[in-house]
C-alpha atoms as a PDB file:
ATOM      1  CA  MET A   1      -0.034  -0.039  -0.017  1.00  0.00           C
ATOM      2  CA  ARG A   2       1.215   3.516  -0.878  1.00  0.00           C
ATOM      3  CA  ILE A   3       0.254   4.934   2.549  1.00  0.00           C
ATOM      4  CA  PRO A   4       0.785   3.225   5.952  1.00  0.00           C
ATOM      5  CA  ASP A   5      -1.823   1.056   7.497  1.00  0.00           C
ATOM      6  CA  TRP A   6      -3.978   2.976   9.876  1.00  0.00           C
ATOM      7  CA  THR A   7      -3.473   2.215  13.527  1.00  0.00           C
ATOM      8  CA  PRO A   8      -5.297   3.750  16.492  1.00  0.00           C
ATOM      9  CA  ALA A   9      -1.881   4.951  17.699  1.00  0.00           C
ATOM     10  CA  ALA A  10      -0.955   6.651  14.477  1.00  0.00           C
ATOM     11  CA  HIS A  11      -4.392   8.388  14.007  1.00  0.00           C
ATOM     12  CA  PRO A  12      -7.030   7.910  16.719  1.00  0.00           C
ATOM     13  CA  GLN A  13     -10.537   7.477  15.585  1.00  0.00           C
ATOM     14  CA  PRO A  14     -13.709   7.218  17.710  1.00  0.00           C
ATOM     15  CA  ALA A  15     -14.118   3.717  19.047  1.00  0.00           C
ATOM     16  CA  GLU A  16     -17.789   3.551  17.875  1.00  0.00           C
ATOM     17  CA  LEU A  17     -16.615   4.014  14.356  1.00  0.00           C
ATOM     18  CA  VAL A  18     -13.892   1.419  14.437  1.00  0.00           C
ATOM     19  CA  ASN A  19     -16.276  -1.156  16.174  1.00  0.00           C
ATOM     20  CA  ALA A  20     -18.940  -0.457  13.529  1.00  0.00           C
ATOM     21  CA  ILE A  21     -16.581  -1.175  10.696  1.00  0.00           C
ATOM     22  CA  ARG A  22     -15.316  -4.267  12.449  1.00  0.00           C
ATOM     23  CA  ALA A  23     -18.895  -5.356  13.032  1.00  0.00           C
ATOM     24  CA  ARG A  24     -19.658  -5.053   9.351  1.00  0.00           C
ATOM     25  CA  ARG A  25     -16.525  -6.929   8.490  1.00  0.00           C
ATOM     26  CA  GLY A  26     -17.199  -9.799  10.871  1.00  0.00           C
ATOM     27  CA  GLY A  27     -14.716  -8.735  13.556  1.00  0.00           C
ATOM     28  CA  GLN A  28     -11.547  -7.465  11.913  1.00  0.00           C
ATOM     29  CA  LEU A  29     -10.428  -4.646   9.650  1.00  0.00           C
ATOM     30  CA  ILE A  30      -9.220  -5.325   6.110  1.00  0.00           C
ATOM     31  CA  ASN A  31      -6.659  -3.510   4.238  1.00  0.00           C
ATOM     32  CA  LEU A  32      -9.183  -1.156   2.661  1.00  0.00           C
ATOM     33  CA  ASP A  33     -10.416  -0.156   6.064  1.00  0.00           C
ATOM     34  CA  LYS A  34      -6.845   0.571   7.203  1.00  0.00           C
ATOM     35  CA  ALA A  35      -6.596   3.071   4.456  1.00  0.00           C
ATOM     36  CA  LEU A  36      -9.969   4.714   4.860  1.00  0.00           C
ATOM     37  CA  LEU A  37      -9.668   5.099   8.528  1.00  0.00           C
ATOM     38  CA  TRP A  38      -7.041   7.923   7.953  1.00  0.00           C
ATOM     39  CA  SER A  39     -10.193  10.073   7.415  1.00  0.00           C
ATOM     40  CA  GLU A  40     -13.145   9.876   9.953  1.00  0.00           C
ATOM     41  CA  PRO A  41     -15.624  11.439   7.543  1.00  0.00           C
ATOM     42  CA  VAL A  42     -14.749   9.101   4.825  1.00  0.00           C
ATOM     43  CA  ALA A  43     -14.559   5.921   6.931  1.00  0.00           C
ATOM     44  CA  ARG A  44     -18.024   6.871   8.533  1.00  0.00           C
ATOM     45  CA  GLY A  45     -19.723   7.503   5.339  1.00  0.00           C
ATOM     46  CA  TRP A  46     -18.203   4.625   3.433  1.00  0.00           C
ATOM     47  CA  ASN A  47     -19.240   2.212   6.260  1.00  0.00           C
ATOM     48  CA  VAL A  48     -22.905   3.261   6.091  1.00  0.00           C
ATOM     49  CA  TYR A  49     -23.220   3.580   2.273  1.00  0.00           C
ATOM     50  CA  MET A  50     -21.228   0.311   1.391  1.00  0.00           C
ATOM     51  CA  LYS A  51     -23.189  -1.578   4.003  1.00  0.00           C
ATOM     52  CA  ALA A  52     -26.466  -0.600   2.088  1.00  0.00           C
ATOM     53  CA  VAL A  53     -24.870  -1.529  -1.208  1.00  0.00           C
ATOM     54  CA  ARG A  54     -23.464  -4.897  -0.106  1.00  0.00           C
ATOM     55  CA  SER A  55     -26.475  -6.057   2.233  1.00  0.00           C
ATOM     56  CA  GLU A  56     -29.642  -4.008   1.840  1.00  0.00           C
ATOM     57  CA  LEU A  57     -30.442  -4.241  -1.886  1.00  0.00           C
ATOM     58  CA  SER A  58     -33.087  -6.457  -3.167  1.00  0.00           C
ATOM     59  CA  ALA A  59     -31.530  -6.975  -6.608  1.00  0.00           C
ATOM     60  CA  SER A  60     -29.893 -10.402  -7.157  1.00  0.00           C
ATOM     61  CA  ALA A  61     -26.744 -10.750  -5.082  1.00  0.00           C
ATOM     62  CA  LYS A  62     -25.203 -13.011  -7.816  1.00  0.00           C
ATOM     63  CA  LEU A  63     -25.848 -10.409 -10.467  1.00  0.00           C
ATOM     64  CA  ARG A  64     -24.492  -7.485  -8.191  1.00  0.00           C
ATOM     65  CA  GLU A  65     -21.394  -9.547  -7.590  1.00  0.00           C
ATOM     66  CA  PHE A  66     -21.020 -10.364 -11.316  1.00  0.00           C
ATOM     67  CA  GLY A  67     -21.161  -6.728 -12.033  1.00  0.00           C
ATOM     68  CA  ILE A  68     -18.537  -5.999  -9.160  1.00  0.00           C
ATOM     69  CA  CYS A  69     -16.251  -8.658 -10.599  1.00  0.00           C
ATOM     70  CA  THR A  70     -16.489  -7.106 -14.077  1.00  0.00           C
ATOM     71  CA  VAL A  71     -15.501  -3.713 -12.691  1.00  0.00           C
ATOM     72  CA  ALA A  72     -12.650  -5.381 -10.736  1.00  0.00           C
ATOM     73  CA  LEU A  73     -11.092  -7.120 -13.818  1.00  0.00           C
ATOM     74  CA  LEU A  74     -11.621  -4.185 -16.227  1.00  0.00           C
ATOM     75  CA  THR A  75      -9.875  -1.670 -13.839  1.00  0.00           C
ATOM     76  CA  GLY A  76      -7.161  -4.086 -12.555  1.00  0.00           C
ATOM     77  CA  ALA A  77      -8.443  -3.791  -8.944  1.00  0.00           C
ATOM     78  CA  ASP A  78      -7.032  -7.227  -8.005  1.00  0.00           C
ATOM     79  CA  TYR A  79      -8.127  -6.580  -4.327  1.00  0.00           C
ATOM     80  CA  GLU A  80     -11.682  -6.130  -5.394  1.00  0.00           C
ATOM     81  CA  TYR A  81     -11.756  -9.352  -7.493  1.00  0.00           C
ATOM     82  CA  HIS A  82     -10.046 -11.280  -4.563  1.00  0.00           C
ATOM     83  CA  HIS A  83     -12.893 -10.274  -2.239  1.00  0.00           C
ATOM     84  CA  HIS A  84     -15.749 -10.477  -4.657  1.00  0.00           C
ATOM     85  CA  ALA A  85     -15.235 -13.533  -6.841  1.00  0.00           C
ATOM     86  CA  PRO A  86     -15.813 -15.735  -3.687  1.00  0.00           C
ATOM     87  CA  ASP A  87     -19.001 -13.774  -2.857  1.00  0.00           C
ATOM     88  CA  PHE A  88     -20.159 -14.272  -6.448  1.00  0.00           C
ATOM     89  CA  LEU A  89     -19.636 -18.015  -6.111  1.00  0.00           C
ATOM     90  CA  THR A  90     -21.462 -18.059  -2.664  1.00  0.00           C
ATOM     91  CA  ALA A  91     -24.367 -16.180  -4.192  1.00  0.00           C
ATOM     92  CA  GLY A  92     -24.886 -19.034  -6.793  1.00  0.00           C
ATOM     93  CA  GLY A  93     -22.264 -18.138  -9.407  1.00  0.00           C
ATOM     94  CA  THR A  94     -20.026 -20.658 -11.053  1.00  0.00           C
ATOM     95  CA  PRO A  95     -16.316 -20.857 -11.864  1.00  0.00           C
ATOM     96  CA  PRO A  96     -17.133 -21.224 -15.607  1.00  0.00           C
ATOM     97  CA  GLU A  97     -19.081 -17.965 -15.443  1.00  0.00           C
ATOM     98  CA  LEU A  98     -15.925 -16.306 -13.957  1.00  0.00           C
ATOM     99  CA  ASP A  99     -13.827 -17.894 -16.663  1.00  0.00           C
ATOM    100  CA  ALA A 100     -16.120 -16.457 -19.271  1.00  0.00           C
ATOM    101  CA  LEU A 101     -15.760 -13.031 -17.653  1.00  0.00           C
ATOM    102  CA  GLN A 102     -12.001 -13.287 -17.676  1.00  0.00           C
ATOM    103  CA  VAL A 103     -12.064 -14.156 -21.390  1.00  0.00           C
ATOM    104  CA  PHE A 104     -14.377 -11.202 -22.027  1.00  0.00           C
ATOM    105  CA  VAL A 105     -11.997  -8.843 -20.313  1.00  0.00           C
ATOM    106  CA  GLN A 106      -8.548 -10.427 -21.572  1.00  0.00           C
ATOM    107  CA  THR A 107      -9.680 -10.170 -25.154  1.00  0.00           C
ATOM    108  CA  GLY A 108     -11.115  -6.632 -24.999  1.00  0.00           C
ATOM    109  CA  ALA A 109     -14.330  -8.016 -26.386  1.00  0.00           C
ATOM    110  CA  GLY A 110     -17.180  -5.621 -27.243  1.00  0.00           C
ATOM    111  CA  ALA A 111     -20.917  -5.637 -27.254  1.00  0.00           C
ATOM    112  CA  ASP A 112     -21.054  -8.706 -29.573  1.00  0.00           C
ATOM    113  CA  PHE A 113     -19.288 -11.043 -27.048  1.00  0.00           C
ATOM    114  CA  THR A 114     -21.324 -14.091 -26.183  1.00  0.00           C
ATOM    115  CA  ASP A 115     -20.177 -17.166 -24.135  1.00  0.00           C
ATOM    116  CA  ALA A 116     -22.268 -20.318 -23.673  1.00  0.00           C
ATOM    117  CA  ARG A 117     -21.136 -20.376 -20.041  1.00  0.00           C
ATOM    118  CA  LEU A 118     -23.072 -17.074 -19.315  1.00  0.00           C
ATOM    119  CA  GLY A 119     -26.805 -16.974 -18.859  1.00  0.00           C
ATOM    120  CA  SER A 120     -28.634 -14.085 -20.497  1.00  0.00           C
ATOM    121  CA  ASP A 121     -28.826 -12.069 -17.149  1.00  0.00           C
ATOM    122  CA  GLU A 122     -25.219 -12.492 -16.500  1.00  0.00           C
ATOM    123  CA  SER A 123     -24.304 -11.459 -19.936  1.00  0.00           C
ATOM    124  CA  LEU A 124     -26.514  -8.415 -19.774  1.00  0.00           C
ATOM    125  CA  VAL A 125     -24.943  -7.355 -16.399  1.00  0.00           C
ATOM    126  CA  MET A 126     -21.386  -8.004 -17.678  1.00  0.00           C
ATOM    127  CA  HIS A 127     -21.911  -5.793 -20.783  1.00  0.00           C
ATOM    128  CA  TYR A 128     -23.661  -3.080 -18.608  1.00  0.00           C
ATOM    129  CA  ALA A 129     -20.897  -2.964 -16.140  1.00  0.00           C
ATOM    130  CA  ALA A 130     -18.383  -2.880 -18.953  1.00  0.00           C
ATOM    131  CA  GLN A 131     -19.933  -0.006 -20.610  1.00  0.00           C
ATOM    132  CA  MET A 132     -20.337   2.002 -17.400  1.00  0.00           C
ATOM    133  CA  THR A 133     -16.663   1.174 -16.547  1.00  0.00           C
ATOM    134  CA  ARG A 134     -15.025   1.728 -19.907  1.00  0.00           C
ATOM    135  CA  HIS A 135     -17.144   4.507 -21.286  1.00  0.00           C
ATOM    136  CA  VAL A 136     -19.316   5.887 -18.399  1.00  0.00           C
ATOM    137  CA  GLN A 137     -22.172   6.329 -20.965  1.00  0.00           C
ATOM    138  CA  VAL A 138     -24.340   3.352 -21.754  1.00  0.00           C
ATOM    139  CA  SER A 139     -25.928   2.756 -25.095  1.00  0.00           C
ATOM    140  CA  ASP A 140     -29.668   3.202 -25.442  1.00  0.00           C
ATOM    141  CA  ALA A 141     -29.920  -0.286 -26.900  1.00  0.00           C
ATOM    142  CA  LEU A 142     -28.287  -1.891 -23.889  1.00  0.00           C
ATOM    143  CA  PHE A 143     -30.267   0.227 -21.453  1.00  0.00           C
ATOM    144  CA  ALA A 144     -33.540  -0.770 -23.141  1.00  0.00           C
ATOM    145  CA  GLN A 145     -32.543  -4.437 -22.734  1.00  0.00           C
ATOM    146  CA  LEU A 146     -32.021  -3.875 -18.920  1.00  0.00           C
ATOM    147  CA  GLN A 147     -35.421  -2.185 -18.701  1.00  0.00           C
ATOM    148  CA  GLN A 148     -37.135  -5.216 -20.478  1.00  0.00           C
ATOM    149  CA  ARG A 149     -35.499  -7.654 -18.241  1.00  0.00           C
ATOM    150  CA  PHE A 150     -35.288  -5.861 -14.833  1.00  0.00           C
ATOM    151  CA  SER A 151     -37.737  -3.757 -12.631  1.00  0.00           C
ATOM    152  CA  THR A 152     -36.766  -0.148 -12.174  1.00  0.00           C
ATOM    153  CA  PRO A 153     -35.595  -0.739  -8.597  1.00  0.00           C
ATOM    154  CA  GLU A 154     -33.360  -3.629  -9.920  1.00  0.00           C
ATOM    155  CA  VAL A 155     -31.865  -1.339 -12.597  1.00  0.00           C
ATOM    156  CA  VAL A 156     -31.233   1.386 -10.019  1.00  0.00           C
ATOM    157  CA  GLU A 157     -29.573  -1.021  -7.611  1.00  0.00           C
ATOM    158  CA  LEU A 158     -27.452  -2.827 -10.234  1.00  0.00           C
ATOM    159  CA  THR A 159     -26.354   0.608 -11.489  1.00  0.00           C
ATOM    160  CA  THR A 160     -25.574   1.707  -7.984  1.00  0.00           C
ATOM    161  CA  ALA A 161     -23.521  -1.386  -7.126  1.00  0.00           C
ATOM    162  CA  ILE A 162     -21.501  -1.090 -10.287  1.00  0.00           C
ATOM    163  CA  ALA A 163     -20.935   2.583  -9.863  1.00  0.00           C
ATOM    164  CA  ALA A 164     -20.025   2.041  -6.297  1.00  0.00           C
ATOM    165  CA  TYR A 165     -17.417  -0.467  -7.111  1.00  0.00           C
ATOM    166  CA  ASN A 166     -15.966   1.686  -9.783  1.00  0.00           C
ATOM    167  CA  MET A 167     -15.266   4.064  -6.978  1.00  0.00           C
ATOM    168  CA  VAL A 168     -13.764   1.489  -4.941  1.00  0.00           C
ATOM    169  CA  ALA A 169     -11.660   0.241  -7.637  1.00  0.00           C
ATOM    170  CA  ARG A 170     -10.076   3.597  -8.187  1.00  0.00           C
ATOM    171  CA  ILE A 171      -9.202   3.990  -4.572  1.00  0.00           C
ATOM    172  CA  LEU A 172      -7.719   0.559  -4.475  1.00  0.00           C
ATOM    173  CA  VAL A 173      -5.590   0.908  -7.557  1.00  0.00           C
ATOM    174  CA  ALA A 174      -4.404   4.555  -6.696  1.00  0.00           C
ATOM    175  CA  LEU A 175      -3.383   3.574  -3.281  1.00  0.00           C
ATOM    176  CA  ASP A 176      -2.075   0.222  -4.325  1.00  0.00           C
ATOM    177  CA  ILE A 177      -4.194  -1.682  -1.782  1.00  0.00           C
ATOM    178  CA  ARG A 178      -3.488  -5.274  -1.998  1.00  0.00           C
ATOM    179  CA  PRO A 179      -5.215  -8.426  -0.631  1.00  0.00           C
ATOM    180  CA  GLU A 180      -4.501  -9.120   2.925  1.00  0.00           C
ATOM    181  CA  ASN A 181      -2.310 -12.297   2.173  1.00  0.00           C
ATOM    182  CA  ASP A 182      -0.252 -10.276  -0.278  1.00  0.00           C
ATOM    183  CA  ASP A 183       1.149  -7.945   2.448  1.00  0.00           C
END
């Protein structure tokens, strides 16, 4: 990491904030937390917002995680992929779907990319996340497909998850935050 790991001695933060982050993480701080805790307002807002994105949305967890994995691979955010590929699998995704995603990213494939290992929903979310990540703007044709397949709340929630993890990826890559076992 390009900055030191946060510690209570180096930059004290309110115990309630640190405890809330630990509670969301299942008891321990991860490297991303140790970067964000250098700023109390960032850490506090992040914890509330990302908790909502990760655990309070009604859109399919599998599709949200597939969108997040797409963002991670497209941006080179290895840390993000390291944490979210297992979540995708836990939510019902399969290793062949992740393999297809990797082919999509590695080949620089465009809108015409198809792979028999992907269902239509996964393919749609992958293309949506790719357009949001690569170009920010999304084609009218792709957005119309989303609207035909998903409810408005699902479209908003998938969009929010993909956008949020584009933000996460930029922080991870800029600060060179690596998976905990890579330290």
